[in-house]
C-alpha atoms as a PDB file:
ATOM      1  CA  MET A   1     -16.898 -83.039 234.053  1.00  0.00           C
ATOM      2  CA  LYS A   2     -18.636 -79.698 233.769  1.00  0.00           C
ATOM      3  CA  THR A   3     -16.576 -77.124 231.863  1.00  0.00           C
ATOM      4  CA  GLY A   4     -18.819 -74.053 232.210  1.00  0.00           C
ATOM      5  CA  ASN A   5     -20.407 -72.130 229.381  1.00  0.00           C
ATOM      6  CA  LEU A   6     -19.304 -69.966 226.493  1.00  0.00           C
ATOM      7  CA  SER A   7     -19.372 -66.776 228.548  1.00  0.00           C
ATOM      8  CA  ASP A   8     -16.706 -68.205 230.890  1.00  0.00           C
ATOM      9  CA  LEU A   9     -14.397 -68.727 227.917  1.00  0.00           C
ATOM     10  CA  VAL A  10     -15.068 -65.169 226.688  1.00  0.00           C
ATOM     11  CA  VAL A  11     -13.985 -63.864 230.106  1.00  0.00           C
ATOM     12  CA  PHE A  12     -10.848 -66.029 230.082  1.00  0.00           C
ATOM     13  CA  VAL A  13      -9.829 -64.831 226.591  1.00  0.00           C
ATOM     14  CA  ALA A  14     -10.314 -61.201 227.624  1.00  0.00           C
ATOM     15  CA  VAL A  15      -8.114 -61.589 230.716  1.00  0.00           C
ATOM     16  CA  ALA A  16      -5.489 -63.637 228.891  1.00  0.00           C
ATOM     17  CA  GLN A  17      -5.188 -61.103 226.087  1.00  0.00           C
ATOM     18  CA  GLU A  18      -5.222 -58.030 228.343  1.00  0.00           C
ATOM     19  CA  SER A  19      -2.987 -59.653 231.008  1.00  0.00           C
ATOM     20  CA  ASN A  20      -4.965 -57.593 233.492  1.00  0.00           C
ATOM     21  CA  PHE A  21      -8.190 -58.265 235.380  1.00  0.00           C
ATOM     22  CA  THR A  22      -9.190 -54.600 235.653  1.00  0.00           C
ATOM     23  CA  ARG A  23      -8.822 -53.850 231.927  1.00  0.00           C
ATOM     24  CA  ALA A  24     -10.599 -57.087 231.017  1.00  0.00           C
ATOM     25  CA  ALA A  25     -13.462 -56.202 233.383  1.00  0.00           C
ATOM     26  CA  ALA A  26     -13.788 -52.747 231.799  1.00  0.00           C
ATOM     27  CA  TRP A  27     -13.891 -54.256 228.295  1.00  0.00           C
ATOM     28  CA  LEU A  28     -16.517 -56.791 229.369  1.00  0.00           C
ATOM     29  CA  GLY A  29     -18.569 -54.256 231.317  1.00  0.00           C
ATOM     30  CA  VAL A  30     -18.459 -56.169 234.606  1.00  0.00           C
ATOM     31  CA  SER A  31     -16.635 -55.791 237.919  1.00  0.00           C
ATOM     32  CA  PRO A  32     -13.075 -57.091 238.470  1.00  0.00           C
ATOM     33  CA  SER A  33     -14.342 -59.325 241.258  1.00  0.00           C
ATOM     34  CA  ALA A  34     -16.845 -60.939 238.902  1.00  0.00           C
ATOM     35  CA  VAL A  35     -14.034 -61.603 236.423  1.00  0.00           C
ATOM     36  CA  SER A  36     -11.850 -63.114 239.107  1.00  0.00           C
ATOM     37  CA  GLN A  37     -14.682 -65.323 240.319  1.00  0.00           C
ATOM     38  CA  THR A  38     -15.410 -66.557 236.794  1.00  0.00           C
ATOM     39  CA  ILE A  39     -11.752 -67.465 236.159  1.00  0.00           C
ATOM     40  CA  ARG A  40     -11.512 -69.235 239.483  1.00  0.00           C
ATOM     41  CA  GLY A  41     -14.627 -71.269 238.749  1.00  0.00           C
ATOM     42  CA  LEU A  42     -13.381 -72.202 235.275  1.00  0.00           C
ATOM     43  CA  GLU A  43     -10.039 -73.391 236.643  1.00  0.00           C
ATOM     44  CA  GLU A  44     -11.803 -75.470 239.283  1.00  0.00           C
ATOM     45  CA  ARG A  45     -14.036 -77.153 236.741  1.00  0.00           C
ATOM     46  CA  LEU A  46     -11.119 -77.861 234.382  1.00  0.00           C
ATOM     47  CA  GLY A  47      -8.864 -78.985 237.214  1.00  0.00           C
ATOM     48  CA  VAL A  48      -5.930 -76.948 235.916  1.00  0.00           C
ATOM     49  CA  GLN A  49      -4.479 -73.493 236.549  1.00  0.00           C
ATOM     50  CA  LEU A  50      -4.827 -71.192 233.566  1.00  0.00           C
ATOM     51  CA  LEU A  51      -3.377 -67.909 234.864  1.00  0.00           C
ATOM     52  CA  THR A  52      -0.620 -66.948 237.281  1.00  0.00           C
ATOM     53  CA  ARG A  53      -1.518 -63.860 239.292  1.00  0.00           C
ATOM     54  CA  THR A  54       0.859 -61.537 241.066  1.00  0.00           C
ATOM     55  CA  THR A  55       0.286 -58.070 242.521  1.00  0.00           C
ATOM     56  CA  ARG A  56       1.750 -56.566 239.371  1.00  0.00           C
ATOM     57  CA  SER A  57       0.832 -58.859 236.486  1.00  0.00           C
ATOM     58  CA  VAL A  58      -1.219 -61.739 235.127  1.00  0.00           C
ATOM     59  CA  THR A  59       0.532 -64.329 232.959  1.00  0.00           C
ATOM     60  CA  ARG A  60      -0.693 -67.415 231.200  1.00  0.00           C
ATOM     61  CA  THR A  61       0.355 -70.886 232.324  1.00  0.00           C
ATOM     62  CA  GLU A  62       1.181 -73.523 229.734  1.00  0.00           C
ATOM     63  CA  ALA A  63      -2.405 -74.785 229.958  1.00  0.00           C
ATOM     64  CA  GLY A  64      -3.717 -71.222 229.717  1.00  0.00           C
ATOM     65  CA  GLU A  65      -1.592 -70.507 226.628  1.00  0.00           C
ATOM     66  CA  ARG A  66      -2.843 -73.649 224.926  1.00  0.00           C
ATOM     67  CA  LEU A  67      -6.475 -72.860 225.744  1.00  0.00           C
ATOM     68  CA  LEU A  68      -6.078 -69.291 224.474  1.00  0.00           C
ATOM     69  CA  GLN A  69      -4.577 -70.410 221.146  1.00  0.00           C
ATOM     70  CA  GLU A  70      -7.342 -72.935 220.585  1.00  0.00           C
ATOM     71  CA  ILE A  71     -10.326 -70.951 221.841  1.00  0.00           C
ATOM     72  CA  ALA A  72      -9.664 -67.377 220.687  1.00  0.00           C
ATOM     73  CA  PRO A  73      -9.918 -68.126 216.910  1.00  0.00           C
ATOM     74  CA  LEU A  74     -13.140 -70.074 217.452  1.00  0.00           C
ATOM     75  CA  LEU A  75     -14.684 -67.199 219.382  1.00  0.00           C
ATOM     76  CA  ASP A  76     -13.674 -64.800 216.597  1.00  0.00           C
ATOM     77  CA  GLN A  77     -15.434 -67.045 214.080  1.00  0.00           C
ATOM     78  CA  ILE A  78     -18.570 -67.159 216.216  1.00  0.00           C
ATOM     79  CA  HIS A  79     -18.635 -63.374 216.541  1.00  0.00           C
ATOM     80  CA  GLY A  80     -18.094 -63.056 212.790  1.00  0.00           C
ATOM     81  CA  HIS A  81     -20.992 -65.390 211.965  1.00  0.00           C
ATOM     82  CA  LEU A  82     -23.304 -63.611 214.401  1.00  0.00           C
ATOM     83  CA  GLY A  83     -22.329 -60.267 212.906  1.00  0.00           C
ATOM     84  CA  ALA A  84     -23.097 -61.536 209.423  1.00  0.00           C
ATOM     85  CA  LEU A  85     -26.526 -62.700 210.558  1.00  0.00           C
ATOM     86  CA  SER A  86     -27.262 -59.326 212.121  1.00  0.00           C
ATOM     87  CA  ALA A  87     -26.281 -57.613 208.884  1.00  0.00           C
ATOM     88  CA  LEU A  88     -29.023 -59.503 207.036  1.00  0.00           C
ATOM     89  CA  GLY A  89     -31.607 -57.370 208.785  1.00  0.00           C
ATOM     90  CA  GLN A  90     -29.910 -54.171 207.642  1.00  0.00           C
ATOM     91  CA  HIS A  91     -28.823 -55.178 204.131  1.00  0.00           C
ATOM     92  CA  PRO A  92     -31.318 -57.364 202.186  1.00  0.00           C
ATOM     93  CA  SER A  93     -29.762 -60.356 200.468  1.00  0.00           C
ATOM     94  CA  GLY A  94     -30.732 -63.686 198.969  1.00  0.00           C
ATOM     95  CA  THR A  95     -32.977 -64.853 196.125  1.00  0.00           C
ATOM     96  CA  VAL A  96     -36.651 -63.927 195.679  1.00  0.00           C
ATOM     97  CA  ARG A  97     -38.644 -66.213 193.345  1.00  0.00           C
ATOM     98  CA  ILE A  98     -41.820 -64.821 191.756  1.00  0.00           C
ATOM     99  CA  THR A  99     -44.243 -66.399 189.287  1.00  0.00           C
ATOM    100  CA  ALA A 100     -46.504 -64.201 187.117  1.00  0.00           C
ATOM    101  CA  ASP A 101     -47.960 -63.933 183.641  1.00  0.00           C
ATOM    102  CA  GLU A 102     -46.247 -61.990 180.855  1.00  0.00           C
ATOM    103  CA  TYR A 103     -48.262 -58.788 181.224  1.00  0.00           C
ATOM    104  CA  ALA A 104     -47.733 -58.660 185.003  1.00  0.00           C
ATOM    105  CA  VAL A 105     -43.994 -59.198 184.611  1.00  0.00           C
ATOM    106  CA  ARG A 106     -43.639 -56.470 181.976  1.00  0.00           C
ATOM    107  CA  HIS A 107     -46.052 -53.791 183.165  1.00  0.00           C
ATOM    108  CA  VAL A 108     -46.669 -54.394 186.882  1.00  0.00           C
ATOM    109  CA  LEU A 109     -43.572 -56.011 188.374  1.00  0.00           C
ATOM    110  CA  TRP A 110     -40.677 -54.764 186.266  1.00  0.00           C
ATOM    111  CA  PRO A 111     -41.197 -51.026 186.947  1.00  0.00           C
ATOM    112  CA  LYS A 112     -41.072 -51.800 190.684  1.00  0.00           C
ATOM    113  CA  LEU A 113     -38.297 -54.385 190.607  1.00  0.00           C
ATOM    114  CA  ARG A 114     -35.804 -52.466 188.492  1.00  0.00           C
ATOM    115  CA  PRO A 115     -34.924 -50.003 191.314  1.00  0.00           C
ATOM    116  CA  VAL A 116     -34.551 -52.952 193.717  1.00  0.00           C
ATOM    117  CA  ILE A 117     -32.010 -54.571 191.420  1.00  0.00           C
ATOM    118  CA  GLU A 118     -30.026 -51.339 191.239  1.00  0.00           C
ATOM    119  CA  THR A 119     -30.114 -50.498 194.968  1.00  0.00           C
ATOM    120  CA  CYS A 120     -29.842 -54.009 196.475  1.00  0.00           C
ATOM    121  CA  PRO A 121     -26.848 -55.702 194.822  1.00  0.00           C
ATOM    122  CA  ASP A 122     -27.049 -58.727 197.141  1.00  0.00           C
ATOM    123  CA  VAL A 123     -30.636 -59.527 196.123  1.00  0.00           C
ATOM    124  CA  ALA A 124     -31.278 -61.842 193.161  1.00  0.00           C
ATOM    125  CA  ILE A 125     -34.776 -61.904 191.634  1.00  0.00           C
ATOM    126  CA  GLU A 126     -36.020 -64.941 189.716  1.00  0.00           C
ATOM    127  CA  LEU A 127     -39.076 -64.205 187.542  1.00  0.00           C
ATOM    128  CA  MET A 128     -40.909 -67.181 186.074  1.00  0.00           C
ATOM    129  CA  THR A 129     -43.556 -66.462 183.422  1.00  0.00           C
ATOM    130  CA  ASP A 130     -46.515 -68.790 183.818  1.00  0.00           C
ATOM    131  CA  TYR A 131     -50.247 -68.551 183.000  1.00  0.00           C
ATOM    132  CA  GLY A 132     -51.103 -71.552 185.161  1.00  0.00           C
ATOM    133  CA  LEU A 133     -52.035 -71.283 188.821  1.00  0.00           C
ATOM    134  CA  THR A 134     -48.685 -72.550 190.057  1.00  0.00           C
ATOM    135  CA  ASP A 135     -48.596 -74.049 193.542  1.00  0.00           C
ATOM    136  CA  ILE A 136     -46.422 -71.336 195.057  1.00  0.00           C
ATOM    137  CA  VAL A 137     -45.529 -73.313 198.181  1.00  0.00           C
ATOM    138  CA  ALA A 138     -44.820 -76.639 196.472  1.00  0.00           C
ATOM    139  CA  GLU A 139     -42.701 -74.972 193.782  1.00  0.00           C
ATOM    140  CA  ARG A 140     -40.849 -72.916 196.414  1.00  0.00           C
ATOM    141  CA  PHE A 141     -41.891 -69.495 195.109  1.00  0.00           C
ATOM    142  CA  ASP A 142     -41.944 -66.555 197.486  1.00  0.00           C
ATOM    143  CA  ALA A 143     -44.847 -64.849 195.714  1.00  0.00           C
ATOM    144  CA  GLY A 144     -47.154 -65.192 192.742  1.00  0.00           C
ATOM    145  CA  VAL A 145     -49.030 -62.497 190.828  1.00  0.00           C
ATOM    146  CA  ARG A 146     -52.592 -63.529 189.988  1.00  0.00           C
ATOM    147  CA  LEU A 147     -55.661 -61.959 188.398  1.00  0.00           C
ATOM    148  CA  GLY A 148     -58.943 -61.568 190.213  1.00  0.00           C
ATOM    149  CA  GLY A 149     -58.072 -62.916 193.643  1.00  0.00           C
ATOM    150  CA  ILE A 150     -57.894 -66.629 192.772  1.00  0.00           C
ATOM    151  CA  ILE A 151     -55.621 -67.824 195.578  1.00  0.00           C
ATOM    152  CA  ASP A 152     -55.268 -70.889 197.791  1.00  0.00           C
ATOM    153  CA  ALA A 153     -56.510 -70.934 201.380  1.00  0.00           C
ATOM    154  CA  ASP A 154     -52.998 -70.944 202.823  1.00  0.00           C
ATOM    155  CA  MET A 155     -52.049 -67.745 200.997  1.00  0.00           C
ATOM    156  CA  VAL A 156     -52.513 -64.064 201.673  1.00  0.00           C
ATOM    157  CA  ALA A 157     -52.899 -61.507 198.890  1.00  0.00           C
ATOM    158  CA  VAL A 158     -52.421 -57.776 198.494  1.00  0.00           C
ATOM    159  CA  PRO A 159     -53.558 -55.713 195.473  1.00  0.00           C
ATOM    160  CA  ILE A 160     -50.730 -54.371 193.308  1.00  0.00           C
ATOM    161  CA  GLY A 161     -52.758 -53.080 190.392  1.00  0.00           C
ATOM    162  CA  PRO A 162     -56.077 -51.347 189.609  1.00  0.00           C
ATOM    163  CA  PRO A 163     -59.366 -53.187 188.883  1.00  0.00           C
ATOM    164  CA  MET A 164     -59.812 -54.524 185.337  1.00  0.00           C
ATOM    165  CA  ARG A 165     -62.465 -55.598 182.827  1.00  0.00           C
ATOM    166  CA  MET A 166     -62.532 -58.526 180.452  1.00  0.00           C
ATOM    167  CA  VAL A 167     -63.170 -56.999 177.044  1.00  0.00           C
ATOM    168  CA  THR A 168     -64.155 -58.661 173.794  1.00  0.00           C
ATOM    169  CA  VAL A 169     -62.271 -57.172 170.848  1.00  0.00           C
ATOM    170  CA  ALA A 170     -61.711 -57.635 167.126  1.00  0.00           C
ATOM    171  CA  SER A 171     -59.834 -55.891 164.356  1.00  0.00           C
ATOM    172  CA  PRO A 172     -61.735 -53.523 162.045  1.00  0.00           C
ATOM    173  CA  ALA A 173     -60.956 -55.889 159.159  1.00  0.00           C
ATOM    174  CA  TYR A 174     -62.598 -58.827 160.937  1.00  0.00           C
ATOM    175  CA  LEU A 175     -65.683 -56.800 161.848  1.00  0.00           C
ATOM    176  CA  LYS A 176     -66.010 -55.545 158.277  1.00  0.00           C
ATOM    177  CA  ARG A 177     -65.930 -59.108 156.970  1.00  0.00           C
ATOM    178  CA  TYR A 178     -67.996 -60.952 159.595  1.00  0.00           C
ATOM    179  CA  GLY A 179     -69.921 -58.218 161.407  1.00  0.00           C
ATOM    180  CA  ALA A 180     -70.062 -57.522 165.132  1.00  0.00           C
ATOM    181  CA  PRO A 181     -71.957 -59.737 167.588  1.00  0.00           C
ATOM    182  CA  ARG A 182     -74.751 -57.861 169.352  1.00  0.00           C
ATOM    183  CA  ARG A 183     -75.228 -60.382 172.182  1.00  0.00           C
ATOM    184  CA  PRO A 184     -72.857 -62.915 173.771  1.00  0.00           C
ATOM    185  CA  GLU A 185     -74.994 -65.790 172.464  1.00  0.00           C
ATOM    186  CA  GLU A 186     -74.112 -64.790 168.905  1.00  0.00           C
ATOM    187  CA  LEU A 187     -70.446 -65.625 169.543  1.00  0.00           C
ATOM    188  CA  ILE A 188     -71.130 -69.286 168.736  1.00  0.00           C
ATOM    189  CA  THR A 189     -71.367 -68.287 165.046  1.00  0.00           C
ATOM    190  CA  HIS A 190     -68.104 -66.295 165.108  1.00  0.00           C
ATOM    191  CA  ARG A 191     -64.444 -67.167 164.757  1.00  0.00           C
ATOM    192  CA  CYS A 192     -62.980 -66.807 168.263  1.00  0.00           C
ATOM    193  CA  ILE A 193     -59.441 -67.193 169.549  1.00  0.00           C
ATOM    194  CA  ASN A 194     -59.479 -69.391 172.635  1.00  0.00           C
ATOM    195  CA  LEU A 195     -57.220 -69.482 175.691  1.00  0.00           C
ATOM    196  CA  ARG A 196     -56.129 -72.708 177.337  1.00  0.00           C
ATOM    197  CA  LEU A 197     -54.731 -72.299 180.853  1.00  0.00           C
ATOM    198  CA  PRO A 198     -52.388 -75.106 181.963  1.00  0.00           C
ATOM    199  CA  THR A 199     -54.002 -75.374 185.402  1.00  0.00           C
ATOM    200  CA  HIS A 200     -57.561 -75.685 184.069  1.00  0.00           C
ATOM    201  CA  GLY A 201     -56.629 -78.061 181.282  1.00  0.00           C
ATOM    202  CA  GLY A 202     -59.677 -77.221 179.164  1.00  0.00           C
ATOM    203  CA  VAL A 203     -60.357 -74.158 177.043  1.00  0.00           C
ATOM    204  CA  TYR A 204     -61.246 -71.180 179.192  1.00  0.00           C
ATOM    205  CA  PRO A 205     -64.874 -70.006 178.684  1.00  0.00           C
ATOM    206  CA  TRP A 206     -65.602 -66.370 177.971  1.00  0.00           C
ATOM    207  CA  GLU A 207     -67.239 -64.545 180.877  1.00  0.00           C
ATOM    208  CA  PHE A 208     -70.061 -61.986 180.765  1.00  0.00           C
ATOM    209  CA  THR A 209     -72.548 -60.364 183.140  1.00  0.00           C
ATOM    210  CA  SER A 210     -76.203 -59.463 182.791  1.00  0.00           C
ATOM    211  CA  ASP A 211     -78.245 -57.657 185.468  1.00  0.00           C
ATOM    212  CA  GLY A 212     -75.556 -58.490 188.029  1.00  0.00           C
ATOM    213  CA  SER A 213     -75.479 -62.216 187.176  1.00  0.00           C
ATOM    214  CA  GLU A 214     -72.448 -63.873 185.622  1.00  0.00           C
ATOM    215  CA  PHE A 215     -72.615 -66.381 182.771  1.00  0.00           C
ATOM    216  CA  ARG A 216     -70.159 -68.067 180.451  1.00  0.00           C
ATOM    217  CA  VAL A 217     -70.093 -68.831 176.762  1.00  0.00           C
ATOM    218  CA  ARG A 218     -68.121 -71.677 175.179  1.00  0.00           C
ATOM    219  CA  VAL A 219     -66.808 -70.272 171.918  1.00  0.00           C
ATOM    220  CA  GLN A 220     -65.181 -71.951 168.930  1.00  0.00           C
ATOM    221  CA  GLY A 221     -62.576 -70.819 166.451  1.00  0.00           C
ATOM    222  CA  PRO A 222     -59.461 -71.536 164.432  1.00  0.00           C
ATOM    223  CA  LEU A 223     -56.925 -70.919 167.199  1.00  0.00           C
ATOM    224  CA  ILE A 224     -56.275 -72.047 170.785  1.00  0.00           C
ATOM    225  CA  MET A 225     -53.338 -70.391 172.535  1.00  0.00           C
ATOM    226  CA  ASN A 226     -51.914 -70.205 176.065  1.00  0.00           C
ATOM    227  CA  SER A 227     -50.709 -66.588 176.106  1.00  0.00           C
ATOM    228  CA  ALA A 228     -52.758 -63.385 176.124  1.00  0.00           C
ATOM    229  CA  LEU A 229     -50.022 -61.608 174.171  1.00  0.00           C
ATOM    230  CA  GLN A 230     -50.143 -64.265 171.440  1.00  0.00           C
ATOM    231  CA  ILE A 231     -53.927 -63.982 171.338  1.00  0.00           C
ATOM    232  CA  LEU A 232     -53.640 -60.222 170.896  1.00  0.00           C
ATOM    233  CA  ASP A 233     -51.244 -60.664 167.975  1.00  0.00           C
ATOM    234  CA  ALA A 234     -53.663 -63.048 166.261  1.00  0.00           C
ATOM    235  CA  CYS A 235     -56.586 -60.717 166.922  1.00  0.00           C
ATOM    236  CA  LEU A 236     -54.697 -57.752 165.471  1.00  0.00           C
ATOM    237  CA  ALA A 237     -54.034 -59.865 162.379  1.00  0.00           C
ATOM    238  CA  GLY A 238     -57.793 -60.308 161.887  1.00  0.00           C
ATOM    239  CA  VAL A 239     -57.922 -64.026 162.730  1.00  0.00           C
ATOM    240  CA  GLY A 240     -60.924 -63.654 165.016  1.00  0.00           C
ATOM    241  CA  LEU A 241     -62.502 -62.205 168.125  1.00  0.00           C
ATOM    242  CA  ALA A 242     -60.576 -62.299 171.407  1.00  0.00           C
ATOM    243  CA  GLN A 243     -61.384 -61.788 175.060  1.00  0.00           C
ATOM    244  CA  VAL A 244     -58.591 -60.244 177.114  1.00  0.00           C
ATOM    245  CA  THR A 245     -58.258 -57.750 179.939  1.00  0.00           C
ATOM    246  CA  ASP A 246     -58.698 -54.072 179.157  1.00  0.00           C
ATOM    247  CA  ALA A 247     -55.131 -53.568 180.377  1.00  0.00           C
ATOM    248  CA  HIS A 248     -53.901 -55.762 177.527  1.00  0.00           C
ATOM    249  CA  ALA A 249     -56.108 -54.236 174.851  1.00  0.00           C
ATOM    250  CA  GLN A 250     -56.532 -50.552 175.759  1.00  0.00           C
ATOM    251  CA  GLU A 251     -53.616 -49.158 173.759  1.00  0.00           C
ATOM    252  CA  TYR A 252     -54.858 -50.947 170.622  1.00  0.00           C
ATOM    253  CA  ILE A 253     -58.427 -49.757 171.196  1.00  0.00           C
ATOM    254  CA  ASN A 254     -57.148 -46.195 171.606  1.00  0.00           C
ATOM    255  CA  SER A 255     -55.163 -46.408 168.364  1.00  0.00           C
ATOM    256  CA  GLY A 256     -58.057 -47.949 166.434  1.00  0.00           C
ATOM    257  CA  ALA A 257     -56.188 -51.196 165.760  1.00  0.00           C
ATOM    258  CA  LEU A 258     -58.893 -53.045 167.731  1.00  0.00           C
ATOM    259  CA  GLU A 259     -62.549 -52.328 168.486  1.00  0.00           C
ATOM    260  CA  GLU A 260     -64.468 -53.405 171.565  1.00  0.00           C
ATOM    261  CA  VAL A 261     -67.753 -55.255 171.146  1.00  0.00           C
ATOM    262  CA  LEU A 262     -70.303 -56.453 173.721  1.00  0.00           C
ATOM    263  CA  GLY A 263     -69.116 -53.748 176.110  1.00  0.00           C
ATOM    264  CA  GLY A 264     -72.439 -53.760 177.976  1.00  0.00           C
ATOM    265  CA  TRP A 265     -71.817 -57.329 179.167  1.00  0.00           C
ATOM    266  CA  SER A 266     -68.485 -56.763 180.913  1.00  0.00           C
ATOM    267  CA  GLU A 267     -67.840 -55.446 184.418  1.00  0.00           C
ATOM    268  CA  MET A 268     -64.912 -54.644 186.689  1.00  0.00           C
ATOM    269  CA  PHE A 269     -63.136 -57.328 188.686  1.00  0.00           C
ATOM    270  CA  PRO A 270     -60.111 -57.245 191.042  1.00  0.00           C
ATOM    271  CA  GLY A 271     -56.882 -56.655 189.149  1.00  0.00           C
ATOM    272  CA  TYR A 272     -53.488 -58.150 189.851  1.00  0.00           C
ATOM    273  CA  LEU A 273     -52.924 -59.462 193.358  1.00  0.00           C
ATOM    274  CA  ASP A 274     -49.630 -60.458 194.910  1.00  0.00           C
ATOM    275  CA  ALA A 275     -50.177 -63.819 196.580  1.00  0.00           C
ATOM    276  CA  LEU A 276     -47.697 -64.557 199.377  1.00  0.00           C
ATOM    277  CA  ARG A 277     -47.007 -67.649 201.443  1.00  0.00           C
ATOM    278  CA  ARG A 278     -48.724 -67.408 204.819  1.00  0.00           C
ATOM    279  CA  GLU A 279     -46.088 -67.739 207.561  1.00  0.00           C
END
């Protein structure tokens, strides 16, 4: 047996609560005749009279009263849920998961995210510090901050920071004791602090350019670490040479705590990019 659709029940509830076809029609924004026709069709499909009409009033039958008591709360719940969904477009809410390295979290993301936390109380931000190239989709991240535009094919990226350089640096104490390399090839005789990225597995080679061509040098040394900030600490302590981004090292170069070497073999590359899942 066909019972009509949800709009028929909305019309019935309006008439039953107003006890008047004209007022119900005005509230619904339709004509009284359309309301009357809808009620008549609903009663025919249900096979029961829902309303008793007279020239002066509209009253509910026993069946109509029962239907009103059962249907009206459900319709209110539906309207409430739909209203809540509509509010999502006006008031951001939910959890945003982002993966980035330590420097990006501290210096690139945090200055931008702090106002969001203060102005959007229904938004929760999950920041995961990671130097590996995390699979953003598989790990259910909404975005990942990466250096130099290394992203998967199913991702899109937008720049969120200026271009950078990889700089080779050492403390004045180290340079006084061991001297400064004049060419990248001389690094094989120096104590270097290496970086191991989880995604690559092996020790990351140091990168240089010459006449527009890129080349890499495999260096050796007393330390292998997986964090640029840890490498900087060891370099400041005079353990060895380090290769980091100029963003990491610039404040120490400016203060004299570190000195740049081999500056003629480094060039600019894209800075931090925000990699997003492609919809």
